Amino acid sequence: MSLVVEQISKKYQDKAVLADVTVSFEPQKIYGLLGRNGAGKSTLLNIINNRSFASAGQVLLDGKPLTENEKELNQIYLMSEDNLFPGSMKVKDIFKISAGLYGTFDWEFSTELVAAFELDTNLKFRKLSTGYRSIAKLITALCVPCDYIFLDEPVLGLDANYRDLFYGYLVEAYEKRPRTFIVSTHLIEEITNLFEEVIIIDHGKIVLTDTVENILRESNMISGPREQVESFAEHLNVVGKEELGGLVNVYVSGELHQAIPENITVAPVNLQTYFIQLTKGKKGI
């Protein structure tokens, strides 16, 4: 039961926010959705989850348009910065309402999470700090029975300890009941090892969809004197470049088949570095 985003475009007045976005999410995988501020990530997630309407295109789940099928819509869930529940509602009542809306709720797991994060479920939602609002929404997202869970900046306001705790519980939730998680975050380095595949969006367009394994295997930084590095990288896929006097760092994607000269060094790069180089300095659509 794949979820397919098919040629989605979105305009606000004359500004193109998304341009012909096509991407698919397969069952039982953890995806990273990466992009700079304003790249279109949240807009895309809102359209997928029927919280916003596309100017063109459609979203299909198991081949059926989501906007026309309430049953299919109940298979997806979006946790975001938006607060959809009344501020006067207690956290425990948010869990109960979520259970009613989606038919069931993992109460055993939620009890474990509440204890681990030290969340007072008797508090009204508006009384929670930013971090604890995120925690309440995360617990809801991990305990609803949906097959596709979208987490948009899920660790907003969480300290390093609670972020690490969340990453562990995300893995546990996936292992307990494999389903698809799509995580949109700026804290790339912290969570890279959880992602199976990564989708990078820049200025409203998908610029990369690949497995983390492939990206890390084929991404390198080539360093050395400018002329030698530029000559070596001439026929490679260059995604970024840094100049330091007469020296240069060139970031490339793809397998290196040629012999490496002695005055040039080649080093692997992590996902966050690759993302920065791929998306910096790009012009908008």
C-alpha atoms as a PDB file:
ATOM      1  CA  MET A   1       0.000   0.000   0.000  1.00  0.00           C
ATOM      2  CA  SER A   2       2.228   2.807  -1.310  1.00  0.00           C
ATOM      3  CA  LEU A   3       1.539   6.491  -0.790  1.00  0.00           C
ATOM      4  CA  VAL A   4       2.217   8.412  -3.993  1.00  0.00           C
ATOM      5  CA  VAL A   5       2.522  12.173  -4.397  1.00  0.00           C
ATOM      6  CA  GLU A   6       1.837  12.817  -8.070  1.00  0.00           C
ATOM      7  CA  GLN A   7       2.831  16.087  -9.770  1.00  0.00           C
ATOM      8  CA  ILE A   8       1.842  18.297  -6.849  1.00  0.00           C
ATOM      9  CA  SER A   9       2.163  22.050  -7.337  1.00  0.00           C
ATOM     10  CA  LYS A  10       1.159  24.814  -4.958  1.00  0.00           C
ATOM     11  CA  LYS A  11       0.981  28.557  -5.487  1.00  0.00           C
ATOM     12  CA  TYR A  12       0.233  31.336  -3.035  1.00  0.00           C
ATOM     13  CA  GLN A  13      -0.890  34.243  -5.193  1.00  0.00           C
ATOM     14  CA  ASP A  14       1.914  34.378  -7.789  1.00  0.00           C
ATOM     15  CA  LYS A  15       4.552  32.608  -5.694  1.00  0.00           C
ATOM     16  CA  ALA A  16       5.305  28.963  -6.521  1.00  0.00           C
ATOM     17  CA  VAL A  17       5.864  27.046  -3.276  1.00  0.00           C
ATOM     18  CA  LEU A  18       5.865  23.543  -4.786  1.00  0.00           C
ATOM     19  CA  ALA A  19       6.563  22.760  -8.433  1.00  0.00           C
ATOM     20  CA  ASP A  20       5.551  19.427  -9.969  1.00  0.00           C
ATOM     21  CA  VAL A  21       6.566  17.345  -6.947  1.00  0.00           C
ATOM     22  CA  THR A  22       6.390  13.592  -7.485  1.00  0.00           C
ATOM     23  CA  VAL A  23       7.568  11.176  -4.820  1.00  0.00           C
ATOM     24  CA  SER A  24       6.432   7.858  -3.355  1.00  0.00           C
ATOM     25  CA  PHE A  25       6.597   6.428   0.152  1.00  0.00           C
ATOM     26  CA  GLU A  26       6.719   2.657   0.519  1.00  0.00           C
ATOM     27  CA  PRO A  27       5.310   0.645   3.436  1.00  0.00           C
ATOM     28  CA  GLN A  28       7.404   0.006   6.534  1.00  0.00           C
ATOM     29  CA  LYS A  29      10.294   2.394   5.972  1.00  0.00           C
ATOM     30  CA  ILE A  30      11.715   5.374   7.844  1.00  0.00           C
ATOM     31  CA  TYR A  31      12.275   8.358   5.566  1.00  0.00           C
ATOM     32  CA  GLY A  32      14.016  11.644   6.104  1.00  0.00           C
ATOM     33  CA  LEU A  33      12.436  14.664   4.421  1.00  0.00           C
ATOM     34  CA  LEU A  34      15.102  17.349   4.342  1.00  0.00           C
ATOM     35  CA  GLY A  35      15.068  20.937   3.168  1.00  0.00           C
ATOM     36  CA  ARG A  36      16.044  24.434   4.173  1.00  0.00           C
ATOM     37  CA  ASN A  37      13.598  26.847   5.779  1.00  0.00           C
ATOM     38  CA  GLY A  38      10.967  27.757   3.215  1.00  0.00           C
ATOM     39  CA  ALA A  39      11.863  24.873   0.906  1.00  0.00           C
ATOM     40  CA  GLY A  40       8.272  23.596   0.893  1.00  0.00           C
ATOM     41  CA  LYS A  41       8.482  20.670   3.327  1.00  0.00           C
ATOM     42  CA  SER A  42       5.629  21.694   5.615  1.00  0.00           C
ATOM     43  CA  THR A  43       3.444  22.722   2.682  1.00  0.00           C
ATOM     44  CA  LEU A  44       3.964  19.305   1.112  1.00  0.00           C
ATOM     45  CA  LEU A  45       3.138  17.496   4.356  1.00  0.00           C
ATOM     46  CA  ASN A  46      -0.007  19.571   4.853  1.00  0.00           C
ATOM     47  CA  ILE A  47      -1.179  18.751   1.329  1.00  0.00           C
ATOM     48  CA  ILE A  48      -0.502  15.037   1.794  1.00  0.00           C
ATOM     49  CA  ASN A  49      -2.502  15.076   5.024  1.00  0.00           C
ATOM     50  CA  ASN A  50      -5.394  17.046   3.499  1.00  0.00           C
ATOM     51  CA  ARG A  51      -4.790  20.128   5.649  1.00  0.00           C
ATOM     52  CA  SER A  52      -4.074  22.235   2.578  1.00  0.00           C
ATOM     53  CA  PHE A  53      -5.091  21.972  -1.063  1.00  0.00           C
ATOM     54  CA  ALA A  54      -2.743  21.644  -4.008  1.00  0.00           C
ATOM     55  CA  SER A  55      -2.986  23.926  -7.019  1.00  0.00           C
ATOM     56  CA  ALA A  56      -2.373  20.868  -9.200  1.00  0.00           C
ATOM     57  CA  GLY A  57      -1.679  17.155  -8.806  1.00  0.00           C
ATOM     58  CA  GLN A  58      -2.984  14.510  -6.436  1.00  0.00           C
ATOM     59  CA  VAL A  59      -2.039  12.233  -3.548  1.00  0.00           C
ATOM     60  CA  LEU A  60      -2.835   8.526  -3.840  1.00  0.00           C
ATOM     61  CA  LEU A  61      -2.852   5.810  -1.188  1.00  0.00           C
ATOM     62  CA  ASP A  62      -3.072   2.320  -2.595  1.00  0.00           C
ATOM     63  CA  GLY A  63      -4.044   3.914  -5.902  1.00  0.00           C
ATOM     64  CA  LYS A  64      -6.981   5.855  -4.426  1.00  0.00           C
ATOM     65  CA  PRO A  65      -7.126   9.670  -4.150  1.00  0.00           C
ATOM     66  CA  LEU A  66      -6.848  10.640  -0.502  1.00  0.00           C
ATOM     67  CA  THR A  67      -9.142  13.643  -0.781  1.00  0.00           C
ATOM     68  CA  GLU A  68     -12.017  11.405  -1.865  1.00  0.00           C
ATOM     69  CA  ASN A  69     -11.608   8.593   0.646  1.00  0.00           C
ATOM     70  CA  GLU A  70     -12.039   9.124   4.386  1.00  0.00           C
ATOM     71  CA  LYS A  71     -11.033   5.521   5.110  1.00  0.00           C
ATOM     72  CA  GLU A  72      -7.671   6.039   3.430  1.00  0.00           C
ATOM     73  CA  LEU A  73      -7.188   9.390   5.182  1.00  0.00           C
ATOM     74  CA  ASN A  74      -7.429   7.586   8.523  1.00  0.00           C
ATOM     75  CA  GLN A  75      -4.294   5.649   7.565  1.00  0.00           C
ATOM     76  CA  ILE A  76      -2.118   8.772   7.724  1.00  0.00           C
ATOM     77  CA  TYR A  77      -1.235  11.063  10.622  1.00  0.00           C
ATOM     78  CA  LEU A  78       0.664  14.346  10.757  1.00  0.00           C
ATOM     79  CA  MET A  79       2.358  15.673  13.868  1.00  0.00           C
ATOM     80  CA  SER A  80       3.452  19.273  13.295  1.00  0.00           C
ATOM     81  CA  GLU A  81       4.004  22.595  15.042  1.00  0.00           C
ATOM     82  CA  ASP A  82       0.309  23.390  14.581  1.00  0.00           C
ATOM     83  CA  ASN A  83      -1.788  22.890  17.693  1.00  0.00           C
ATOM     84  CA  LEU A  84      -5.029  21.281  16.561  1.00  0.00           C
ATOM     85  CA  PHE A  85      -6.447  20.562  20.009  1.00  0.00           C
ATOM     86  CA  PRO A  86      -8.060  23.200  22.253  1.00  0.00           C
ATOM     87  CA  GLY A  87      -5.651  24.679  24.769  1.00  0.00           C
ATOM     88  CA  SER A  88      -8.168  24.002  27.529  1.00  0.00           C
ATOM     89  CA  MET A  89      -8.071  20.245  26.887  1.00  0.00           C
ATOM     90  CA  LYS A  90      -6.086  18.010  29.232  1.00  0.00           C
ATOM     91  CA  VAL A  91      -3.374  15.837  27.696  1.00  0.00           C
ATOM     92  CA  LYS A  92      -5.086  12.621  28.798  1.00  0.00           C
ATOM     93  CA  ASP A  93      -8.238  13.756  26.986  1.00  0.00           C
ATOM     94  CA  ILE A  94      -6.233  14.425  23.827  1.00  0.00           C
ATOM     95  CA  PHE A  95      -5.154  10.786  23.935  1.00  0.00           C
ATOM     96  CA  LYS A  96      -8.767   9.658  24.425  1.00  0.00           C
ATOM     97  CA  ILE A  97     -10.040  11.764  21.523  1.00  0.00           C
ATOM     98  CA  SER A  98      -7.244  10.445  19.301  1.00  0.00           C
ATOM     99  CA  ALA A  99      -8.245   6.901  20.204  1.00  0.00           C
ATOM    100  CA  GLY A 100     -11.827   7.689  19.226  1.00  0.00           C
ATOM    101  CA  LEU A 101     -10.862   9.330  15.943  1.00  0.00           C
ATOM    102  CA  TYR A 102      -8.558   6.544  14.800  1.00  0.00           C
ATOM    103  CA  GLY A 103     -10.380   3.571  16.294  1.00  0.00           C
ATOM    104  CA  THR A 104      -7.692   2.452  18.721  1.00  0.00           C
ATOM    105  CA  PHE A 105      -4.637   3.653  20.636  1.00  0.00           C
ATOM    106  CA  ASP A 106      -1.587   1.907  22.105  1.00  0.00           C
ATOM    107  CA  TRP A 107      -2.352   2.681  25.725  1.00  0.00           C
ATOM    108  CA  GLU A 108       0.392   0.415  27.081  1.00  0.00           C
ATOM    109  CA  PHE A 109       3.053   2.157  24.997  1.00  0.00           C
ATOM    110  CA  SER A 110       1.656   5.601  25.824  1.00  0.00           C
ATOM    111  CA  THR A 111       1.911   4.829  29.549  1.00  0.00           C
ATOM    112  CA  GLU A 112       5.563   3.883  29.071  1.00  0.00           C
ATOM    113  CA  LEU A 113       6.237   7.066  27.105  1.00  0.00           C
ATOM    114  CA  VAL A 114       4.436   9.312  29.595  1.00  0.00           C
ATOM    115  CA  ALA A 115       6.595   7.912  32.407  1.00  0.00           C
ATOM    116  CA  ALA A 116       9.838   8.142  30.415  1.00  0.00           C
ATOM    117  CA  PHE A 117       9.251  11.773  29.430  1.00  0.00           C
ATOM    118  CA  GLU A 118       7.761  12.707  32.823  1.00  0.00           C
ATOM    119  CA  LEU A 119       4.657  14.176  31.216  1.00  0.00           C
ATOM    120  CA  ASP A 120       1.797  15.225  33.486  1.00  0.00           C
ATOM    121  CA  THR A 121      -1.276  14.177  31.502  1.00  0.00           C
ATOM    122  CA  ASN A 122      -3.588  16.032  33.885  1.00  0.00           C
ATOM    123  CA  LEU A 123      -2.248  19.363  32.671  1.00  0.00           C
ATOM    124  CA  LYS A 124      -4.147  21.380  30.112  1.00  0.00           C
ATOM    125  CA  PHE A 125      -2.369  21.599  26.782  1.00  0.00           C
ATOM    126  CA  ARG A 126      -1.907  25.382  27.002  1.00  0.00           C
ATOM    127  CA  LYS A 127      -0.090  24.972  30.324  1.00  0.00           C
ATOM    128  CA  LEU A 128       2.652  22.875  28.724  1.00  0.00           C
ATOM    129  CA  SER A 129       6.007  24.300  27.695  1.00  0.00           C
ATOM    130  CA  THR A 130       6.999  24.141  24.023  1.00  0.00           C
ATOM    131  CA  GLY A 131       9.017  20.999  24.682  1.00  0.00           C
ATOM    132  CA  TYR A 132       6.225  19.228  26.517  1.00  0.00           C
ATOM    133  CA  ARG A 133       3.728  20.176  23.835  1.00  0.00           C
ATOM    134  CA  SER A 134       6.036  18.415  21.395  1.00  0.00           C
ATOM    135  CA  ILE A 135       6.222  15.416  23.714  1.00  0.00           C
ATOM    136  CA  ALA A 136       2.426  15.193  24.029  1.00  0.00           C
ATOM    137  CA  LYS A 137       2.069  15.338  20.244  1.00  0.00           C
ATOM    138  CA  LEU A 138       4.868  12.802  19.735  1.00  0.00           C
ATOM    139  CA  ILE A 139       3.263  10.316  22.105  1.00  0.00           C
ATOM    140  CA  THR A 140      -0.004  10.679  20.211  1.00  0.00           C
ATOM    141  CA  ALA A 141       1.763  10.136  16.888  1.00  0.00           C
ATOM    142  CA  LEU A 142       3.590   7.021  18.080  1.00  0.00           C
ATOM    143  CA  CYS A 143       0.435   5.474  19.562  1.00  0.00           C
ATOM    144  CA  VAL A 144      -2.205   5.977  16.853  1.00  0.00           C
ATOM    145  CA  PRO A 145      -2.714   2.957  14.543  1.00  0.00           C
ATOM    146  CA  CYS A 146      -1.955   4.720  11.237  1.00  0.00           C
ATOM    147  CA  ASP A 147       0.278   3.156   8.589  1.00  0.00           C
ATOM    148  CA  TYR A 148       1.908   6.455   7.583  1.00  0.00           C
ATOM    149  CA  ILE A 149       3.148   8.782  10.318  1.00  0.00           C
ATOM    150  CA  PHE A 150       4.492  12.202   9.311  1.00  0.00           C
ATOM    151  CA  LEU A 151       6.605  14.021  11.902  1.00  0.00           C
ATOM    152  CA  ASP A 152       7.299  17.665  11.025  1.00  0.00           C
ATOM    153  CA  GLU A 153      10.079  19.066  13.240  1.00  0.00           C
ATOM    154  CA  PRO A 154       9.153  16.573  15.978  1.00  0.00           C
ATOM    155  CA  VAL A 155      11.815  17.559  18.526  1.00  0.00           C
ATOM    156  CA  LEU A 156      10.985  21.271  18.724  1.00  0.00           C
ATOM    157  CA  GLY A 157      11.840  22.485  22.222  1.00  0.00           C
ATOM    158  CA  LEU A 158      13.330  19.172  23.376  1.00  0.00           C
ATOM    159  CA  ASP A 159      16.732  19.111  25.072  1.00  0.00           C
ATOM    160  CA  ALA A 160      19.469  16.728  23.930  1.00  0.00           C
ATOM    161  CA  ASN A 161      18.486  14.028  26.429  1.00  0.00           C
ATOM    162  CA  TYR A 162      14.838  14.015  25.421  1.00  0.00           C
ATOM    163  CA  ARG A 163      15.737  14.111  21.726  1.00  0.00           C
ATOM    164  CA  ASP A 164      17.886  11.030  22.190  1.00  0.00           C
ATOM    165  CA  LEU A 165      15.080   9.380  24.152  1.00  0.00           C
ATOM    166  CA  PHE A 166      12.625  10.118  21.350  1.00  0.00           C
ATOM    167  CA  TYR A 167      14.903   8.627  18.690  1.00  0.00           C
ATOM    168  CA  GLY A 168      15.100   5.425  20.708  1.00  0.00           C
ATOM    169  CA  TYR A 169      11.339   5.241  21.128  1.00  0.00           C
ATOM    170  CA  LEU A 170      10.806   5.934  17.433  1.00  0.00           C
ATOM    171  CA  VAL A 171      12.864   2.835  16.663  1.00  0.00           C
ATOM    172  CA  GLU A 172      10.958   0.875  19.313  1.00  0.00           C
ATOM    173  CA  ALA A 173       7.610   1.964  17.847  1.00  0.00           C
ATOM    174  CA  TYR A 174       8.773   0.871  14.403  1.00  0.00           C
ATOM    175  CA  GLU A 175       9.972  -2.500  15.691  1.00  0.00           C
ATOM    176  CA  LYS A 176       6.754  -3.106  17.657  1.00  0.00           C
ATOM    177  CA  ARG A 177       4.629  -2.474  14.582  1.00  0.00           C
ATOM    178  CA  PRO A 178       6.500  -1.743  11.353  1.00  0.00           C
ATOM    179  CA  ARG A 179       4.932   1.153   9.479  1.00  0.00           C
ATOM    180  CA  THR A 180       6.173   4.151   7.527  1.00  0.00           C
ATOM    181  CA  PHE A 181       7.604   7.154   9.337  1.00  0.00           C
ATOM    182  CA  ILE A 182       8.502  10.333   7.442  1.00  0.00           C
ATOM    183  CA  VAL A 183      10.580  12.694   9.577  1.00  0.00           C
ATOM    184  CA  SER A 184      11.194  16.299   8.557  1.00  0.00           C
ATOM    185  CA  THR A 185      14.008  17.794  10.622  1.00  0.00           C
ATOM    186  CA  HIS A 186      16.938  20.208  10.575  1.00  0.00           C
ATOM    187  CA  LEU A 187      18.897  18.087  13.085  1.00  0.00           C
ATOM    188  CA  ILE A 188      20.191  15.805  10.362  1.00  0.00           C
ATOM    189  CA  GLU A 189      23.351  14.526  12.023  1.00  0.00           C
ATOM    190  CA  GLU A 190      21.452  13.341  15.110  1.00  0.00           C
ATOM    191  CA  ILE A 191      19.031  11.131  13.226  1.00  0.00           C
ATOM    192  CA  THR A 192      20.830   9.995  10.064  1.00  0.00           C
ATOM    193  CA  ASN A 193      21.305   6.440  11.314  1.00  0.00           C
ATOM    194  CA  LEU A 194      17.509   6.013  11.629  1.00  0.00           C
ATOM    195  CA  PHE A 195      16.767   6.887   8.006  1.00  0.00           C
ATOM    196  CA  GLU A 196      16.571   4.250   5.314  1.00  0.00           C
ATOM    197  CA  GLU A 197      15.834   6.709   2.534  1.00  0.00           C
ATOM    198  CA  VAL A 198      16.146  10.469   2.192  1.00  0.00           C
ATOM    199  CA  ILE A 199      14.176  12.961   0.124  1.00  0.00           C
ATOM    200  CA  ILE A 200      15.699  16.416  -0.285  1.00  0.00           C
ATOM    201  CA  ILE A 201      13.476  19.290  -1.355  1.00  0.00           C
ATOM    202  CA  ASP A 202      14.872  22.666  -2.360  1.00  0.00           C
ATOM    203  CA  HIS A 203      12.909  25.710  -3.502  1.00  0.00           C
ATOM    204  CA  GLY A 204       9.782  23.634  -4.016  1.00  0.00           C
ATOM    205  CA  LYS A 205      11.394  20.873  -6.068  1.00  0.00           C
ATOM    206  CA  ILE A 206      12.633  17.385  -5.235  1.00  0.00           C
ATOM    207  CA  VAL A 207      16.375  17.452  -5.902  1.00  0.00           C
ATOM    208  CA  LEU A 208      17.303  14.027  -4.529  1.00  0.00           C
ATOM    209  CA  THR A 209      15.635  10.768  -3.555  1.00  0.00           C
ATOM    210  CA  ASP A 210      17.964   7.951  -2.554  1.00  0.00           C
ATOM    211  CA  THR A 211      18.904   5.543   0.194  1.00  0.00           C
ATOM    212  CA  VAL A 212      21.192   6.843   2.915  1.00  0.00           C
ATOM    213  CA  GLU A 213      23.541   3.964   2.137  1.00  0.00           C
ATOM    214  CA  ASN A 214      23.949   5.083  -1.476  1.00  0.00           C
ATOM    215  CA  ILE A 215      24.383   8.748  -0.577  1.00  0.00           C
ATOM    216  CA  LEU A 216      27.083   8.047   1.988  1.00  0.00           C
ATOM    217  CA  ARG A 217      28.877   5.552  -0.244  1.00  0.00           C
ATOM    218  CA  GLU A 218      29.048   7.906  -3.215  1.00  0.00           C
ATOM    219  CA  SER A 219      29.601  11.284  -1.507  1.00  0.00           C
ATOM    220  CA  ASN A 220      33.146  12.582  -1.088  1.00  0.00           C
ATOM    221  CA  MET A 221      35.118  15.748  -0.479  1.00  0.00           C
ATOM    222  CA  ILE A 222      38.107  16.230  -2.770  1.00  0.00           C
ATOM    223  CA  SER A 223      40.736  18.602  -1.373  1.00  0.00           C
ATOM    224  CA  GLY A 224      43.975  20.062  -2.653  1.00  0.00           C
ATOM    225  CA  PRO A 225      45.468  22.715  -4.930  1.00  0.00           C
ATOM    226  CA  ARG A 226      42.819  24.405  -7.036  1.00  0.00           C
ATOM    227  CA  GLU A 227      44.060  23.439 -10.507  1.00  0.00           C
ATOM    228  CA  GLN A 228      44.646  19.782  -9.661  1.00  0.00           C
ATOM    229  CA  VAL A 229      41.314  19.382  -7.861  1.00  0.00           C
ATOM    230  CA  GLU A 230      39.342  21.089 -10.618  1.00  0.00           C
ATOM    231  CA  SER A 231      41.050  18.922 -13.233  1.00  0.00           C
ATOM    232  CA  PHE A 232      40.365  15.757 -11.228  1.00  0.00           C
ATOM    233  CA  ALA A 233      36.699  16.695 -10.678  1.00  0.00           C
ATOM    234  CA  GLU A 234      36.072  17.896 -14.227  1.00  0.00           C
ATOM    235  CA  HIS A 235      33.911  14.931 -15.220  1.00  0.00           C
ATOM    236  CA  LEU A 236      32.387  14.270 -11.794  1.00  0.00           C
ATOM    237  CA  ASN A 237      29.002  15.358 -10.438  1.00  0.00           C
ATOM    238  CA  VAL A 238      29.998  18.378  -8.349  1.00  0.00           C
ATOM    239  CA  VAL A 239      27.406  19.400  -5.754  1.00  0.00           C
ATOM    240  CA  GLY A 240      29.385  22.017  -3.847  1.00  0.00           C
ATOM    241  CA  LYS A 241      32.654  23.898  -3.620  1.00  0.00           C
ATOM    242  CA  GLU A 242      34.657  25.803  -0.991  1.00  0.00           C
ATOM    243  CA  GLU A 243      37.740  27.897  -1.718  1.00  0.00           C
ATOM    244  CA  LEU A 244      40.479  28.685   0.795  1.00  0.00           C
ATOM    245  CA  GLY A 245      43.176  30.732  -0.885  1.00  0.00           C
ATOM    246  CA  GLY A 246      44.919  28.468  -3.359  1.00  0.00           C
ATOM    247  CA  LEU A 247      43.254  25.374  -1.937  1.00  0.00           C
ATOM    248  CA  VAL A 248      39.801  24.100  -2.739  1.00  0.00           C
ATOM    249  CA  ASN A 249      37.331  21.549  -1.387  1.00  0.00           C
ATOM    250  CA  VAL A 250      35.013  20.088  -3.993  1.00  0.00           C
ATOM    251  CA  TYR A 251      32.053  17.955  -2.928  1.00  0.00           C
ATOM    252  CA  VAL A 252      31.093  15.278  -5.424  1.00  0.00           C
ATOM    253  CA  SER A 253      28.491  12.568  -5.785  1.00  0.00           C
ATOM    254  CA  GLY A 254      29.140   9.337  -7.641  1.00  0.00           C
ATOM    255  CA  GLU A 255      31.713   6.583  -7.763  1.00  0.00           C
ATOM    256  CA  LEU A 256      35.366   7.536  -8.256  1.00  0.00           C
ATOM    257  CA  HIS A 257      36.981   5.344 -10.887  1.00  0.00           C
ATOM    258  CA  GLN A 258      40.163   7.260 -11.682  1.00  0.00           C
ATOM    259  CA  ALA A 259      43.430   7.063  -9.757  1.00  0.00           C
ATOM    260  CA  ILE A 260      43.828   9.717  -7.074  1.00  0.00           C
ATOM    261  CA  PRO A 261      46.905  11.979  -7.477  1.00  0.00           C
ATOM    262  CA  GLU A 262      49.305  12.235  -4.534  1.00  0.00           C
ATOM    263  CA  ASN A 263      48.613  15.922  -3.858  1.00  0.00           C
ATOM    264  CA  ILE A 264      44.846  15.378  -3.627  1.00  0.00           C
ATOM    265  CA  THR A 265      42.959  13.921  -0.680  1.00  0.00           C
ATOM    266  CA  VAL A 266      39.560  12.266  -0.831  1.00  0.00           C
ATOM    267  CA  ALA A 267      37.401  11.925   2.279  1.00  0.00           C
ATOM    268  CA  PRO A 268      33.819  10.737   2.819  1.00  0.00           C
ATOM    269  CA  VAL A 269      31.213  13.249   3.971  1.00  0.00           C
ATOM    270  CA  ASN A 270      28.228  12.781   6.253  1.00  0.00           C
ATOM    271  CA  LEU A 271      24.620  13.346   5.230  1.00  0.00           C
ATOM    272  CA  GLN A 272      24.378  16.781   6.828  1.00  0.00           C
ATOM    273  CA  THR A 273      27.453  18.070   4.990  1.00  0.00           C
ATOM    274  CA  TYR A 274      26.182  16.649   1.715  1.00  0.00           C
ATOM    275  CA  PHE A 275      22.787  18.291   2.264  1.00  0.00           C
ATOM    276  CA  ILE A 276      24.358  21.687   3.004  1.00  0.00           C
ATOM    277  CA  GLN A 277      26.503  21.571  -0.118  1.00  0.00           C
ATOM    278  CA  LEU A 278      23.639  20.392  -2.320  1.00  0.00           C
ATOM    279  CA  THR A 279      21.230  23.112  -1.232  1.00  0.00           C
ATOM    280  CA  LYS A 280      23.343  26.186  -0.522  1.00  0.00           C
ATOM    281  CA  GLY A 281      23.297  29.030  -2.995  1.00  0.00           C
ATOM    282  CA  LYS A 282      20.558  27.542  -5.179  1.00  0.00           C
ATOM    283  CA  LYS A 283      18.214  29.900  -6.979  1.00  0.00           C
ATOM    284  CA  GLY A 284      14.487  29.586  -6.458  1.00  0.00           C
ATOM    285  CA  ILE A 285      11.911  28.459  -8.968  1.00  0.00           C
END
